[in-house]
Amino acid sequence: MALKSRAVVIPRRNVVELRDVQVVEPKAGDVLIRTAYTSISSGTERMLLDGRMPHPALLFPVIPGYETVGQVVQVGAKAPKDLLNQWVYVGGARCFKGVNPAWGGQSEYITAEAHRVVPLHGIDPSSGVVLALAATALHGANIANIKQGDRILVIGQGIVGQLAARVARLAGAAYVAVADRVDVRLSISEADQVVNVAKQSLDEAITDANIDVLLEATGSMQALSGALPLLADHGRVVLLGYYDHIDIPYAPVFMREAQILVAREWTFGSDGELPRVRDLVANGDLNISKLLTHRVPLERIQAAYRLALEDPSCLKVVVEWPGSSSNGAV
């Protein structure tokens, strides 16, 4: 028997609606979650709205979202009973009838396998929406193999770039530089050197180059290309954004015998990057206090999308669903 649920639906290009959808009931190993908070991933959702996402889940109408926090309201017969009533994060779901999930997180109710949910263990529930992109940043640092003493440059100070700079420091980097074009973003960056590339070029600002790891978080091949000459020999480049294509000049990477690495998302499991970043937030090692910049109620979902996709001061918008504990809005 299907459960009726309110959801954010993209029925066609550049249209966002609220609709009632059908959610399948949990199976024996599943849990049912009532959503309290979601967010909007500006890179992924922009490509999805534009109809440019190179992914099989792109088949309109779709339910977007992979940043969902809610409470477990039902557990299946074989699911851990202690999950009932817990606050959890879940990275989307594929539990709908008659509508495609891409990735299915912006729904009032979600059915998900119990092993895919991450209990928040006391962190503020609305802060839990940042776990997905924090885990992505941590995964990027892990595949880059950041070592003690490494010199790091993070291009882009949107939410992923902000988190990547913080995670790089936790991984042992001796020097972290960040670059962006937006002063309001740079004003809350945590780095040794902050460069506004609208006012100063990277090679002028970072005179002692020899960057061991370049973390690209803009989604722009042009921005990446301009930073490649700063790499040290055998430097590593990690792509943290989502791109239409990869197109960079070959000479800078050839001369430095650089590595080009792609961060897909994160590793799952009890020792994966989602619970690890949750614990970093819980114990205060990973500071996210200034990264949740806007709050919008579900009824203003179109305004939330405009904020996330058009306002450079919006790092992360928290969408508040009916029944959440907070009533703040922009």
Protein backbone atom coordinates (compact mmCIF):
# COMPACT_ATOMS: atom_id res chain seq x y z
CA MET A 1 0.00 0.00 0.00
CA ALA A 2 1.39 3.41 -0.98
CA LEU A 3 1.63 6.40 1.32
CA LYS A 4 0.66 9.89 0.20
CA SER A 5 3.49 12.42 0.50
CA ARG A 6 4.05 16.03 -0.44
CA ALA A 7 7.17 16.45 -2.55
CA VAL A 8 9.19 18.89 -4.62
CA VAL A 9 8.84 17.88 -8.27
CA ILE A 10 10.59 19.14 -11.39
CA PRO A 11 8.05 18.28 -14.13
CA ARG A 12 10.03 19.84 -16.98
CA ARG A 13 12.99 22.12 -17.57
CA ASN A 14 13.24 25.16 -15.27
CA VAL A 15 10.00 24.44 -13.37
CA VAL A 16 9.76 23.58 -9.65
CA GLU A 17 6.43 22.53 -8.10
CA LEU A 18 4.96 21.03 -4.94
CA ARG A 19 2.93 17.89 -5.66
CA ASP A 20 1.40 14.94 -3.86
CA VAL A 21 3.21 11.71 -4.74
CA GLN A 22 2.96 8.06 -3.72
CA VAL A 23 5.66 6.54 -1.49
CA VAL A 24 5.98 2.78 -1.10
CA GLU A 25 5.79 1.45 2.46
CA PRO A 26 9.01 0.21 4.06
CA LYS A 27 10.11 -3.37 3.46
CA ALA A 28 11.49 -5.57 6.22
CA GLY A 29 14.93 -3.93 6.16
CA ASP A 30 13.69 -0.38 5.59
CA VAL A 31 12.69 2.61 7.67
CA LEU A 32 10.13 5.33 7.00
CA ILE A 33 11.36 8.87 7.60
CA ARG A 34 9.30 12.02 8.03
CA THR A 35 11.31 14.90 6.60
CA ALA A 36 12.00 18.04 8.63
CA TYR A 37 14.81 19.71 6.66
CA THR A 38 16.22 19.52 3.15
CA SER A 39 18.60 21.62 1.11
CA ILE A 40 19.43 22.39 -2.52
CA SER A 41 22.74 21.42 -4.09
CA SER A 42 23.29 24.34 -6.45
CA GLY A 43 25.59 22.52 -8.86
CA THR A 44 23.56 19.33 -9.20
CA GLU A 45 20.13 20.95 -9.14
CA ARG A 46 21.13 23.64 -11.66
CA MET A 47 22.15 20.99 -14.17
CA LEU A 48 19.01 18.99 -13.39
CA LEU A 49 16.74 21.99 -13.94
CA ASP A 50 18.57 22.81 -17.16
CA GLY A 51 18.07 19.27 -18.42
CA ARG A 52 21.84 18.79 -18.66
CA MET A 53 22.43 16.12 -16.04
CA PRO A 54 24.21 13.17 -17.71
CA HIS A 55 22.56 10.62 -15.46
CA PRO A 56 19.92 7.93 -16.09
CA ALA A 57 17.77 9.35 -13.30
CA LEU A 58 17.05 12.42 -15.44
CA LEU A 59 13.60 11.56 -16.73
CA PHE A 60 10.97 14.19 -16.02
CA PRO A 61 9.07 14.44 -13.77
CA VAL A 62 11.71 14.01 -11.09
CA ILE A 63 11.98 14.50 -7.33
CA PRO A 64 15.39 16.12 -6.66
CA GLY A 65 17.55 16.22 -3.58
CA TYR A 66 20.06 14.18 -1.60
CA GLU A 67 20.30 16.35 1.55
CA THR A 68 17.48 15.22 3.82
CA VAL A 69 17.12 15.19 7.60
CA GLY A 70 14.10 13.79 9.40
CA GLN A 71 12.83 11.46 12.11
CA VAL A 72 12.31 7.74 11.70
CA VAL A 73 8.59 7.11 12.24
CA GLN A 74 8.43 3.42 11.27
CA VAL A 75 10.91 0.55 11.09
CA GLY A 76 10.60 -2.68 9.14
CA ALA A 77 10.62 -6.08 10.82
CA LYS A 78 14.34 -6.60 10.15
CA ALA A 79 15.49 -3.01 10.65
CA PRO A 80 17.19 -1.96 13.92
CA LYS A 81 14.45 -1.06 16.39
CA ASP A 82 16.59 1.60 18.06
CA LEU A 83 16.28 3.74 14.92
CA LEU A 84 12.64 4.52 15.75
CA ASN A 85 12.20 8.24 16.57
CA GLN A 86 15.87 9.00 15.88
CA TRP A 87 16.94 12.06 13.90
CA VAL A 88 18.77 10.84 10.80
CA TYR A 89 20.34 12.01 7.58
CA VAL A 90 19.54 10.16 4.35
CA GLY A 91 21.01 10.81 0.90
CA GLY A 92 17.82 10.55 -1.14
CA ALA A 93 15.62 7.56 -1.97
CA ARG A 94 14.07 5.60 -4.82
CA CYS A 95 10.74 4.84 -3.18
CA PHE A 96 8.16 6.57 -5.37
CA LYS A 97 5.41 5.46 -7.72
CA GLY A 98 4.81 7.33 -10.96
CA VAL A 99 7.65 9.83 -10.58
CA ASN A 100 11.39 9.46 -11.06
CA PRO A 101 13.81 10.04 -8.15
CA ALA A 102 16.82 12.21 -8.96
CA TRP A 103 17.71 11.78 -6.20
CA GLY A 104 14.42 11.68 -4.36
CA GLY A 105 15.27 13.47 -1.14
CA GLN A 106 12.81 16.38 -1.22
CA SER A 107 9.74 14.51 -0.06
CA GLU A 108 7.68 14.69 3.13
CA TYR A 109 8.06 10.94 3.60
CA ILE A 110 10.93 8.73 2.46
CA THR A 111 11.40 4.99 2.58
CA ALA A 112 15.06 3.96 2.72
CA GLU A 113 17.17 0.95 3.60
CA ALA A 114 18.10 1.13 7.27
CA HIS A 115 21.82 0.79 6.54
CA ARG A 116 21.71 3.98 4.41
CA VAL A 117 20.56 6.33 7.17
CA VAL A 118 23.03 8.13 9.40
CA PRO A 119 21.83 8.92 12.95
CA LEU A 120 22.76 12.48 13.87
CA HIS A 121 23.85 11.59 17.40
CA GLY A 122 22.97 14.93 18.95
CA ILE A 123 24.03 17.47 16.32
CA ASP A 124 21.43 20.10 15.48
CA PRO A 125 19.02 18.48 13.00
CA SER A 126 18.94 21.41 10.60
CA SER A 127 22.75 21.30 10.45
CA GLY A 128 22.52 17.72 9.24
CA VAL A 129 21.75 18.86 5.68
CA VAL A 130 25.42 19.79 5.28
CA LEU A 131 26.64 16.22 5.81
CA ALA A 132 26.43 15.20 2.14
CA LEU A 133 28.69 17.94 0.83
CA ALA A 134 30.97 17.76 3.86
CA ALA A 135 31.42 14.06 3.12
CA THR A 136 32.12 14.92 -0.52
CA ALA A 137 34.83 17.36 0.60
CA LEU A 138 36.31 14.78 2.96
CA HIS A 139 36.26 12.17 0.19
CA GLY A 140 38.14 14.59 -2.06
CA ALA A 141 40.78 15.13 0.62
CA ASN A 142 41.08 11.37 1.08
CA ILE A 143 41.57 10.53 -2.60
CA ALA A 144 44.06 13.42 -2.87
CA ASN A 145 46.02 11.74 -0.07
CA ILE A 146 46.65 15.05 1.69
CA LYS A 147 49.69 14.65 3.92
CA GLN A 148 51.25 16.60 6.77
CA GLY A 149 52.94 19.67 5.36
CA ASP A 150 51.11 19.76 2.02
CA ARG A 151 50.32 23.08 0.37
CA ILE A 152 46.68 23.29 -0.72
CA LEU A 153 44.77 25.62 -3.04
CA VAL A 154 40.98 25.49 -3.09
CA ILE A 155 39.33 27.17 -6.09
CA GLY A 156 35.80 28.31 -5.28
CA GLN A 157 34.33 29.22 -1.91
CA GLY A 158 30.81 28.01 -2.32
CA ILE A 159 29.70 25.44 0.22
CA VAL A 160 31.90 22.60 -1.12
CA GLY A 161 34.97 24.82 -1.35
CA GLN A 162 34.43 26.17 2.16
CA LEU A 163 34.19 22.64 3.52
CA ALA A 164 37.15 21.43 1.45
CA ALA A 165 39.43 24.12 2.89
CA ARG A 166 38.41 23.21 6.42
CA VAL A 167 38.84 19.48 5.81
CA ALA A 168 42.26 20.01 4.20
CA ARG A 169 43.46 21.70 7.36
CA LEU A 170 42.15 18.82 9.47
CA ALA A 171 44.00 16.41 7.17
CA GLY A 172 47.31 18.06 8.06
CA ALA A 173 47.89 20.69 5.38
CA ALA A 174 50.55 23.21 6.36
CA TYR A 175 49.21 25.94 4.09
CA VAL A 176 45.69 26.46 2.70
CA ALA A 177 44.85 29.15 0.17
CA VAL A 178 41.34 29.78 -1.17
CA ALA A 179 40.14 31.74 -4.19
CA ASP A 180 36.78 33.11 -5.29
CA ARG A 181 35.24 36.19 -6.90
CA VAL A 182 32.70 36.96 -4.15
CA ASP A 183 33.82 38.95 -1.10
CA VAL A 184 30.95 37.79 1.11
CA ARG A 185 32.05 34.19 0.62
CA LEU A 186 35.72 34.95 1.19
CA SER A 187 34.87 36.84 4.38
CA ILE A 188 33.97 33.58 6.14
CA SER A 189 36.67 31.39 4.59
CA GLU A 190 39.05 29.59 6.93
CA ALA A 191 42.47 29.72 5.24
CA ASP A 192 46.00 31.06 5.47
CA GLN A 193 45.53 33.13 2.32
CA VAL A 194 42.34 34.45 0.74
CA VAL A 195 42.39 35.63 -2.86
CA ASN A 196 39.64 37.52 -4.67
CA VAL A 197 40.48 36.66 -8.27
CA ALA A 198 38.25 39.48 -9.51
CA LYS A 199 40.81 41.87 -8.01
CA GLN A 200 44.10 39.99 -8.18
CA SER A 201 45.35 37.08 -10.26
CA LEU A 202 46.32 33.85 -8.55
CA ASP A 203 49.92 33.92 -9.76
CA GLU A 204 50.31 37.47 -8.40
CA ALA A 205 48.78 36.56 -5.05
CA ILE A 206 50.47 33.19 -4.51
CA THR A 207 54.09 34.02 -5.29
CA ASP A 208 55.45 30.91 -3.57
CA ALA A 209 53.53 28.45 -5.73
CA ASN A 210 54.42 24.74 -5.44
CA ILE A 211 50.86 23.71 -4.68
CA ASP A 212 50.74 20.01 -3.80
CA VAL A 213 46.97 19.63 -4.04
CA LEU A 214 44.57 21.75 -6.07
CA LEU A 215 40.94 21.23 -5.06
CA GLU A 216 38.59 22.50 -7.80
CA ALA A 217 35.16 23.44 -6.44
CA THR A 218 33.80 25.93 -8.97
CA GLY A 219 32.64 23.60 -11.74
CA SER A 220 34.55 25.82 -14.19
CA MET A 221 37.25 24.47 -16.48
CA GLN A 222 38.41 28.03 -17.10
CA ALA A 223 39.01 28.61 -13.39
CA LEU A 224 40.88 25.32 -13.12
CA SER A 225 43.04 26.01 -16.17
CA GLY A 226 44.23 29.31 -14.73
CA ALA A 227 45.42 27.62 -11.54
CA LEU A 228 47.33 24.70 -13.07
CA PRO A 229 50.65 26.59 -13.44
CA LEU A 230 50.80 26.87 -9.63
CA LEU A 231 51.11 23.10 -9.19
CA ALA A 232 54.27 21.54 -7.81
CA ASP A 233 55.89 18.60 -9.58
CA HIS A 234 53.68 15.52 -9.15
CA GLY A 235 50.88 17.74 -7.84
CA ARG A 236 47.36 16.37 -7.53
CA VAL A 237 44.21 17.96 -8.93
CA VAL A 238 40.88 16.86 -7.46
CA LEU A 239 37.63 17.71 -9.25
CA LEU A 240 34.95 18.33 -6.62
CA GLY A 241 32.36 19.95 -8.87
CA TYR A 242 30.07 18.58 -11.57
CA TYR A 243 31.10 19.30 -15.15
CA ASP A 244 29.67 19.13 -18.65
CA HIS A 245 33.09 18.05 -19.89
CA ILE A 246 36.76 18.13 -18.92
CA ASP A 247 38.80 20.54 -21.04
CA ILE A 248 42.14 21.76 -19.69
CA PRO A 249 45.45 22.71 -21.28
CA TYR A 250 47.76 19.70 -21.42
CA ALA A 251 51.15 21.42 -21.08
CA PRO A 252 50.89 22.45 -17.38
CA VAL A 253 49.87 18.97 -16.23
CA PHE A 254 52.41 17.26 -18.53
CA MET A 255 55.32 19.40 -17.36
CA ARG A 256 54.50 18.66 -13.72
CA GLU A 257 53.46 15.04 -14.26
CA ALA A 258 50.30 15.92 -12.38
CA GLN A 259 47.50 13.57 -11.36
CA ILE A 260 43.87 14.38 -12.24
CA LEU A 261 41.49 12.80 -9.72
CA VAL A 262 37.69 12.79 -9.65
CA ALA A 263 35.69 12.74 -6.41
CA ARG A 264 32.44 10.93 -7.14
CA GLU A 265 30.67 11.40 -3.79
CA TRP A 266 31.59 9.54 -0.58
CA THR A 267 32.07 6.06 0.80
CA PHE A 268 29.16 4.42 2.61
CA GLY A 269 29.08 2.29 5.74
CA SER A 270 29.56 2.71 9.47
CA ASP A 271 33.18 3.81 8.92
CA GLY A 272 32.42 5.87 5.80
CA GLU A 273 32.75 9.58 5.33
CA LEU A 274 29.18 10.51 6.30
CA PRO A 275 29.48 9.35 9.93
CA ARG A 276 33.03 10.69 10.05
CA VAL A 277 32.00 14.23 9.12
CA ARG A 278 29.03 13.97 11.49
CA ASP A 279 31.48 13.24 14.30
CA LEU A 280 33.76 16.08 13.21
CA VAL A 281 30.79 18.47 13.43
CA ALA A 282 29.63 17.02 16.75
CA ASN A 283 33.00 17.43 18.46
CA GLY A 284 33.60 20.90 17.04
CA ASP A 285 36.55 20.05 14.79
CA LEU A 286 34.61 20.97 11.63
CA ASN A 287 33.11 24.44 11.99
CA ILE A 288 29.91 24.91 9.96
CA SER A 289 28.37 27.70 12.03
CA LYS A 290 28.44 30.32 9.24
CA LEU A 291 27.73 28.03 6.30
CA LEU A 292 23.95 27.65 6.71
CA THR A 293 23.15 31.11 5.43
CA HIS A 294 19.39 31.05 4.65
CA ARG A 295 16.20 29.40 5.87
CA VAL A 296 13.02 29.13 3.81
CA PRO A 297 9.72 27.32 4.55
CA LEU A 298 8.64 24.63 2.11
CA GLU A 299 5.75 26.75 0.84
CA ARG A 300 8.33 29.13 -0.64
CA ILE A 301 10.29 26.43 -2.43
CA GLN A 302 10.57 28.45 -5.65
CA ALA A 303 12.18 31.28 -3.66
CA ALA A 304 14.54 28.75 -2.09
CA TYR A 305 15.67 27.57 -5.53
CA ARG A 306 16.22 31.15 -6.68
CA LEU A 307 18.35 31.81 -3.61
CA ALA A 308 20.42 28.68 -4.05
CA LEU A 309 20.98 29.11 -7.78
CA GLU A 310 21.15 32.89 -8.19
CA ASP A 311 22.34 34.56 -4.98
CA PRO A 312 26.14 34.26 -4.51
CA SER A 313 25.77 35.04 -0.80
CA CYS A 314 23.73 31.86 -0.32
CA LEU A 315 26.09 29.05 0.63
CA LYS A 316 23.47 26.65 1.93
CA VAL A 317 19.72 27.15 2.23
CA VAL A 318 17.77 25.10 4.77
CA VAL A 319 14.26 24.28 3.56
CA GLU A 320 11.97 23.81 6.55
CA TRP A 321 9.21 21.25 6.14
CA PRO A 322 5.94 21.31 8.12
CA GLY A 323 6.57 20.03 11.62
CA SER A 324 10.21 21.14 11.81
CA SER A 325 11.15 22.92 15.02
CA SER A 326 12.19 26.23 13.42
CA ASN A 327 10.05 28.84 11.74
CA GLY A 328 12.74 31.23 10.48
CA ALA A 329 12.77 32.36 6.84
CA VAL A 330 14.42 34.86 4.57
